[in-house]
């Protein structure tokens, strides 16, 4: 199944990383905070301005982004969890070096 967000919405797949303490203890998923980084999967066409023009989206599919801890709405599709949020909820785009 394919999903296309509307207006200025962005679909993000959270980046999961296994956390381990200095002593080597692995922290279970239930005790971990959800990551605030993810990869953009799909973007909408952009916000419609009052003048009737579309404002182009800043983020593109494939971008690594940082977003707010409580931003967006989670949903599940094809056994994967995604987050749908507004472009305004994205704080930064990470550039790979």
Protein backbone atom coordinates (compact mmCIF):
# COMPACT_ATOMS: atom_id res chain seq x y z
CA UNK A 1 0.00 0.00 0.00
CA UNK A 2 1.19 3.51 -0.78
CA UNK A 3 0.24 6.66 1.12
CA UNK A 4 0.58 10.29 -0.01
CA UNK A 5 0.33 13.03 2.63
CA UNK A 6 -1.80 16.11 2.04
CA UNK A 7 -0.75 19.78 2.11
CA UNK A 8 2.31 20.38 4.35
CA UNK A 9 2.32 16.94 5.97
CA UNK A 10 5.39 14.68 6.05
CA UNK A 11 5.59 10.93 6.69
CA UNK A 12 8.66 9.88 8.68
CA UNK A 13 10.02 6.47 9.64
CA UNK A 14 11.73 6.69 13.03
CA UNK A 15 15.36 5.60 13.20
CA UNK A 16 15.67 2.86 15.79
CA UNK A 17 18.95 2.27 17.54
CA UNK A 18 19.72 -0.30 20.20
CA UNK A 19 20.76 1.39 23.39
CA UNK A 20 23.26 -0.14 25.75
CA UNK A 21 24.63 1.29 28.99
CA UNK A 22 28.33 1.64 29.76
CA UNK A 23 28.12 -1.58 31.81
CA UNK A 24 26.77 -3.48 28.81
CA UNK A 25 23.14 -3.70 29.96
CA UNK A 26 20.70 -3.53 27.06
CA UNK A 27 17.72 -1.27 27.80
CA UNK A 28 14.38 -2.90 26.87
CA UNK A 29 12.06 -1.17 24.37
CA UNK A 30 9.47 -0.41 27.03
CA UNK A 31 11.96 1.65 29.07
CA UNK A 32 13.40 3.61 26.13
CA UNK A 33 12.27 6.98 24.88
CA UNK A 34 11.25 7.03 21.24
CA UNK A 35 13.91 8.46 18.94
CA UNK A 36 13.49 12.01 17.67
CA UNK A 37 15.29 11.30 14.41
CA UNK A 38 13.87 9.73 11.30
CA UNK A 39 13.99 9.36 7.55
CA UNK A 40 11.40 11.16 5.42
CA UNK A 41 9.36 8.63 3.43
CA UNK A 42 6.88 10.94 1.65
CA UNK A 43 5.94 14.62 1.53
CA UNK A 44 2.79 16.46 0.53
CA UNK A 45 2.60 19.07 -2.24
CA UNK A 46 3.01 21.99 0.19
CA UNK A 47 0.85 24.46 2.07
CA UNK A 48 -1.65 26.53 0.14
CA UNK A 49 -1.11 30.24 0.88
CA UNK A 50 -3.84 32.86 1.22
CA UNK A 51 -2.98 34.08 -2.29
CA UNK A 52 -3.78 30.61 -3.69
CA UNK A 53 -0.21 29.54 -4.49
CA UNK A 54 1.57 26.51 -3.05
CA UNK A 55 4.59 26.99 -0.78
CA UNK A 56 7.21 24.42 -1.79
CA UNK A 57 8.27 21.84 0.83
CA UNK A 58 11.75 22.20 2.31
CA UNK A 59 12.23 18.50 3.09
CA UNK A 60 12.39 15.75 0.47
CA UNK A 61 11.98 11.97 0.68
CA UNK A 62 15.19 10.39 1.97
CA UNK A 63 16.20 13.34 4.21
CA UNK A 64 17.28 12.55 7.77
CA UNK A 65 15.41 14.88 10.11
CA UNK A 66 15.07 15.81 13.78
CA UNK A 67 11.53 16.42 15.04
CA UNK A 68 9.77 17.23 18.30
CA UNK A 69 9.40 14.58 20.99
CA UNK A 70 5.59 14.72 21.02
CA UNK A 71 5.08 15.82 17.41
CA UNK A 72 2.80 14.12 14.94
CA UNK A 73 0.55 11.09 14.91
CA UNK A 74 1.79 7.51 14.79
CA UNK A 75 0.25 4.97 12.43
CA UNK A 76 1.07 1.47 11.24
CA UNK A 77 1.15 0.31 7.63
CA UNK A 78 2.51 -2.95 6.21
CA UNK A 79 3.80 -3.96 9.69
CA UNK A 80 5.94 -0.81 9.96
CA UNK A 81 5.36 2.17 12.24
CA UNK A 82 5.38 5.66 10.78
CA UNK A 83 4.82 9.18 12.02
CA UNK A 84 2.83 11.79 10.12
CA UNK A 85 3.55 15.39 11.08
CA UNK A 86 3.52 18.92 9.74
CA UNK A 87 6.65 20.30 8.15
CA UNK A 88 6.67 22.94 10.94
CA UNK A 89 7.24 20.13 13.50
CA UNK A 90 10.59 19.29 11.88
CA UNK A 91 13.43 21.17 13.57
CA UNK A 92 16.39 20.29 11.33
CA UNK A 93 17.61 18.28 8.37
CA UNK A 94 20.75 16.23 9.09
CA UNK A 95 23.41 16.29 6.40
CA UNK A 96 25.47 13.13 6.00
CA UNK A 97 29.22 13.76 5.66
